[in-house]
C-alpha atoms as a PDB file:
ATOM      1  CA  MET A   1      32.193 -12.965 -76.824  1.00  0.00           C
ATOM      2  CA  ILE A   2      31.545 -16.506 -75.572  1.00  0.00           C
ATOM      3  CA  LYS A   3      30.144 -17.461 -78.996  1.00  0.00           C
ATOM      4  CA  SER A   4      33.380 -16.390 -80.737  1.00  0.00           C
ATOM      5  CA  ILE A   5      35.522 -18.284 -78.183  1.00  0.00           C
ATOM      6  CA  ASN A   6      33.393 -21.380 -78.819  1.00  0.00           C
ATOM      7  CA  LYS A   7      33.811 -20.931 -82.590  1.00  0.00           C
ATOM      8  CA  VAL A   8      37.611 -20.641 -82.217  1.00  0.00           C
ATOM      9  CA  GLY A   9      37.678 -23.652 -79.897  1.00  0.00           C
ATOM     10  CA  THR A  10      35.538 -25.677 -82.276  1.00  0.00           C
ATOM     11  CA  ALA A  11      37.763 -24.697 -85.224  1.00  0.00           C
ATOM     12  CA  CYS A  12      40.895 -25.703 -83.301  1.00  0.00           C
ATOM     13  CA  CYS A  13      39.332 -29.049 -82.387  1.00  0.00           C
ATOM     14  CA  LEU A  14      38.385 -29.680 -86.019  1.00  0.00           C
ATOM     15  CA  ILE A  15      41.910 -28.846 -87.212  1.00  0.00           C
ATOM     16  CA  CYS A  16      43.434 -31.188 -84.605  1.00  0.00           C
ATOM     17  CA  LEU A  17      41.010 -33.951 -85.572  1.00  0.00           C
ATOM     18  CA  ILE A  18      41.871 -33.545 -89.272  1.00  0.00           C
ATOM     19  CA  LEU A  19      45.592 -33.683 -88.469  1.00  0.00           C
ATOM     20  CA  ILE A  20      45.184 -36.794 -86.310  1.00  0.00           C
ATOM     21  CA  ILE A  21      43.136 -38.581 -88.976  1.00  0.00           C
ATOM     22  CA  GLY A  22      45.618 -37.594 -91.671  1.00  0.00           C
ATOM     23  CA  CYS A  23      48.598 -38.844 -89.650  1.00  0.00           C
ATOM     24  CA  THR A  24      46.804 -42.085 -88.820  1.00  0.00           C
ATOM     25  CA  ASN A  25      45.950 -42.679 -92.476  1.00  0.00           C
ATOM     26  CA  ASN A  26      49.529 -42.006 -93.554  1.00  0.00           C
ATOM     27  CA  TYR A  27      50.798 -44.431 -90.958  1.00  0.00           C
ATOM     28  CA  GLN A  28      48.327 -47.141 -91.973  1.00  0.00           C
ATOM     29  CA  GLU A  29      49.001 -46.694 -95.706  1.00  0.00           C
ATOM     30  CA  LYS A  30      52.699 -47.580 -95.427  1.00  0.00           C
ATOM     31  CA  GLU A  31      53.232 -51.027 -96.867  1.00  0.00           C
ATOM     32  CA  THR A  32      55.235 -53.683 -95.133  1.00  0.00           C
ATOM     33  CA  ILE A  33      58.342 -54.745 -97.052  1.00  0.00           C
ATOM     34  CA  SER A  34      59.598 -58.305 -96.869  1.00  0.00           C
ATOM     35  CA  PRO A  35      63.222 -58.836 -95.793  1.00  0.00           C
ATOM     36  CA  GLN A  36      64.032 -60.149 -99.290  1.00  0.00           C
ATOM     37  CA  ILE A  37      62.714 -56.981-100.940  1.00  0.00           C
ATOM     38  CA  ALA A  38      64.532 -54.820 -98.393  1.00  0.00           C
ATOM     39  CA  GLU A  39      67.810 -56.667 -99.175  1.00  0.00           C
ATOM     40  CA  ALA A  40      67.223 -56.238-102.920  1.00  0.00           C
ATOM     41  CA  ASN A  41      66.621 -52.505-102.387  1.00  0.00           C
ATOM     42  CA  LEU A  42      69.892 -52.248-100.438  1.00  0.00           C
ATOM     43  CA  LYS A  43      71.744 -53.916-103.304  1.00  0.00           C
ATOM     44  CA  GLU A  44      70.299 -51.351-105.701  1.00  0.00           C
ATOM     45  CA  THR A  45      70.924 -48.280-103.564  1.00  0.00           C
ATOM     46  CA  GLY A  46      73.317 -49.373-100.805  1.00  0.00           C
ATOM     47  CA  GLN A  47      76.983 -50.048-100.626  1.00  0.00           C
ATOM     48  CA  LEU A  48      78.734 -53.371-100.291  1.00  0.00           C
ATOM     49  CA  ARG A  49      81.325 -53.244 -97.515  1.00  0.00           C
ATOM     50  CA  HIS A  50      84.357 -55.538 -97.445  1.00  0.00           C
ATOM     51  CA  VAL A  51      86.018 -55.558 -94.016  1.00  0.00           C
ATOM     52  CA  VAL A  52      89.500 -57.050 -93.722  1.00  0.00           C
ATOM     53  CA  LEU A  53      91.266 -57.553 -90.367  1.00  0.00           C
ATOM     54  CA  PHE A  54      94.937 -58.578 -90.089  1.00  0.00           C
ATOM     55  CA  LYS A  55      96.995 -60.159 -87.334  1.00  0.00           C
ATOM     56  CA  PHE A  56     100.692 -60.159 -88.152  1.00  0.00           C
ATOM     57  CA  LYS A  57     103.178 -62.762 -86.973  1.00  0.00           C
ATOM     58  CA  GLU A  58     105.122 -61.957 -83.806  1.00  0.00           C
ATOM     59  CA  ASP A  59     108.373 -61.777 -85.779  1.00  0.00           C
ATOM     60  CA  ALA A  60     107.006 -59.524 -88.566  1.00  0.00           C
ATOM     61  CA  VAL A  61     109.351 -56.580 -88.922  1.00  0.00           C
ATOM     62  CA  PRO A  62     107.854 -53.069 -88.994  1.00  0.00           C
ATOM     63  CA  ALA A  63     109.236 -52.407 -92.504  1.00  0.00           C
ATOM     64  CA  ALA A  64     107.374 -55.435 -93.887  1.00  0.00           C
ATOM     65  CA  ILE A  65     104.145 -54.361 -92.166  1.00  0.00           C
ATOM     66  CA  LYS A  66     104.580 -50.851 -93.583  1.00  0.00           C
ATOM     67  CA  LYS A  67     105.025 -52.352 -97.062  1.00  0.00           C
ATOM     68  CA  VAL A  68     101.685 -54.194 -96.642  1.00  0.00           C
ATOM     69  CA  GLU A  69      99.962 -51.012 -95.434  1.00  0.00           C
ATOM     70  CA  ASP A  70     101.290 -49.008 -98.371  1.00  0.00           C
ATOM     71  CA  ALA A  71     100.341 -51.691-100.887  1.00  0.00           C
ATOM     72  CA  PHE A  72      96.783 -51.960 -99.527  1.00  0.00           C
ATOM     73  CA  ILE A  73      96.396 -48.172 -99.511  1.00  0.00           C
ATOM     74  CA  ALA A  74      97.493 -48.088-103.172  1.00  0.00           C
ATOM     75  CA  LEU A  75      94.811 -50.543-104.380  1.00  0.00           C
ATOM     76  CA  PRO A  76      92.010 -47.949-104.828  1.00  0.00           C
ATOM     77  CA  GLY A  77      94.187 -46.140-107.369  1.00  0.00           C
ATOM     78  CA  LYS A  78      94.732 -49.379-109.280  1.00  0.00           C
ATOM     79  CA  ILE A  79      91.298 -51.027-109.114  1.00  0.00           C
ATOM     80  CA  PRO A  80      88.454 -48.705-110.208  1.00  0.00           C
ATOM     81  CA  GLU A  81      85.752 -50.944-108.707  1.00  0.00           C
ATOM     82  CA  ILE A  82      86.865 -49.782-105.242  1.00  0.00           C
ATOM     83  CA  LYS A  83      84.520 -46.864-104.553  1.00  0.00           C
ATOM     84  CA  ASP A  84      85.771 -45.981-101.078  1.00  0.00           C
ATOM     85  CA  PHE A  85      88.597 -47.096 -98.818  1.00  0.00           C
ATOM     86  CA  GLU A  86      89.634 -46.436 -95.257  1.00  0.00           C
ATOM     87  CA  TRP A  87      91.828 -48.123 -92.728  1.00  0.00           C
ATOM     88  CA  GLY A  88      93.159 -47.833 -89.224  1.00  0.00           C
ATOM     89  CA  LEU A  89      94.945 -49.544 -86.370  1.00  0.00           C
ATOM     90  CA  ASN A  90      93.083 -51.116 -83.486  1.00  0.00           C
ATOM     91  CA  ASN A  91      92.942 -48.893 -80.431  1.00  0.00           C
ATOM     92  CA  SER A  92      90.053 -50.507 -78.565  1.00  0.00           C
ATOM     93  CA  PRO A  93      90.510 -50.534 -74.782  1.00  0.00           C
ATOM     94  CA  GLU A  94      88.359 -53.679 -74.495  1.00  0.00           C
ATOM     95  CA  GLY A  95      91.114 -56.135 -75.430  1.00  0.00           C
ATOM     96  CA  LEU A  96      88.774 -58.243 -77.587  1.00  0.00           C
ATOM     97  CA  ASN A  97      90.626 -57.911 -80.894  1.00  0.00           C
ATOM     98  CA  LYS A  98      92.251 -61.386 -80.620  1.00  0.00           C
ATOM     99  CA  GLY A  99      95.538 -60.005 -81.917  1.00  0.00           C
ATOM    100  CA  LEU A 100      93.970 -58.399 -85.010  1.00  0.00           C
ATOM    101  CA  THR A 101      95.634 -55.023 -85.337  1.00  0.00           C
ATOM    102  CA  HIS A 102      94.835 -53.629 -88.798  1.00  0.00           C
ATOM    103  CA  CYS A 103      91.321 -52.931 -90.104  1.00  0.00           C
ATOM    104  CA  TYR A 104      90.581 -52.084 -93.734  1.00  0.00           C
ATOM    105  CA  LEU A 105      87.142 -51.097 -95.024  1.00  0.00           C
ATOM    106  CA  ILE A 106      86.614 -51.284 -98.776  1.00  0.00           C
ATOM    107  CA  THR A 107      83.358 -50.199-100.411  1.00  0.00           C
ATOM    108  CA  PHE A 108      81.932 -51.507-103.662  1.00  0.00           C
ATOM    109  CA  GLU A 109      78.744 -50.445-105.411  1.00  0.00           C
ATOM    110  CA  SER A 110      77.867 -54.008-106.380  1.00  0.00           C
ATOM    111  CA  GLU A 111      78.726 -57.647-105.962  1.00  0.00           C
ATOM    112  CA  GLU A 112      80.057 -57.508-109.521  1.00  0.00           C
ATOM    113  CA  GLY A 113      82.607 -54.910-108.397  1.00  0.00           C
ATOM    114  CA  ARG A 114      83.760 -57.224-105.639  1.00  0.00           C
ATOM    115  CA  GLU A 115      83.913 -60.121-108.119  1.00  0.00           C
ATOM    116  CA  ILE A 116      86.278 -58.076-110.282  1.00  0.00           C
ATOM    117  CA  TYR A 117      88.382 -56.992-107.280  1.00  0.00           C
ATOM    118  CA  LEU A 118      89.032 -60.398-105.720  1.00  0.00           C
ATOM    119  CA  PRO A 119      90.861 -62.036-108.686  1.00  0.00           C
ATOM    120  CA  HIS A 120      92.282 -58.721-109.967  1.00  0.00           C
ATOM    121  CA  PRO A 121      96.047 -59.000-110.648  1.00  0.00           C
ATOM    122  CA  GLU A 122      96.800 -56.019-108.374  1.00  0.00           C
ATOM    123  CA  HIS A 123      94.841 -57.602-105.516  1.00  0.00           C
ATOM    124  CA  LYS A 124      96.572 -60.957-106.114  1.00  0.00           C
ATOM    125  CA  ALA A 125      99.981 -59.235-106.010  1.00  0.00           C
ATOM    126  CA  PHE A 126      99.015 -57.568-102.736  1.00  0.00           C
ATOM    127  CA  VAL A 127      97.912 -60.895-101.226  1.00  0.00           C
ATOM    128  CA  GLY A 128     101.332 -62.288-102.175  1.00  0.00           C
ATOM    129  CA  LEU A 129     102.968 -59.793 -99.797  1.00  0.00           C
ATOM    130  CA  LEU A 130     101.096 -61.333 -96.868  1.00  0.00           C
ATOM    131  CA  GLU A 131     102.278 -64.928 -97.153  1.00  0.00           C
ATOM    132  CA  ASP A 132     105.349 -64.665 -94.912  1.00  0.00           C
ATOM    133  CA  ILE A 133     104.174 -62.173 -92.295  1.00  0.00           C
ATOM    134  CA  LEU A 134     100.442 -62.712 -91.792  1.00  0.00           C
ATOM    135  CA  ASP A 135      99.368 -64.857 -88.845  1.00  0.00           C
ATOM    136  CA  ASP A 136      95.586 -64.505 -89.263  1.00  0.00           C
ATOM    137  CA  VAL A 137      92.993 -62.688 -91.343  1.00  0.00           C
ATOM    138  CA  THR A 138      89.257 -62.171 -90.957  1.00  0.00           C
ATOM    139  CA  VAL A 139      87.032 -60.954 -93.773  1.00  0.00           C
ATOM    140  CA  VAL A 140      83.394 -59.913 -93.452  1.00  0.00           C
ATOM    141  CA  ASP A 141      81.253 -58.543 -96.282  1.00  0.00           C
ATOM    142  CA  TYR A 142      77.863 -56.903 -95.801  1.00  0.00           C
ATOM    143  CA  TRP A 143      75.398 -54.552 -97.438  1.00  0.00           C
ATOM    144  CA  ALA A 144      75.395 -51.277 -95.496  1.00  0.00           C
ATOM    145  CA  LYS A 145      72.027 -50.474 -93.953  1.00  0.00           C
END
């Protein structure tokens, strides 16, 4: 009886040792990727985000702001390079928005898509709506990680 317990114990130890060695080898075999290669991989498989934040003038009337919202919301239907679009109004309790109230998140699959979007006639027409009512704008683009 003791011999069979020792055999089972020895077998369990061998299995654990094999698993530990296998996990260690797998961990050691992973190659380190440079930040440049990682960024290139993101460009191939990731999504380019275009974040736009608006602060409207104090005297901007609600109807004019609504017209801007509607026009921005309509852009994905007019510019096929826009792969995803969402927006919302600031509701942060922190009070750090510096007067920026509207946030728009546009997704492109490539920098080329963004390059088509920026000078696109529909985008230019939209930007024209902002001239009289926009106090400030912030734009940040990044590759989603």
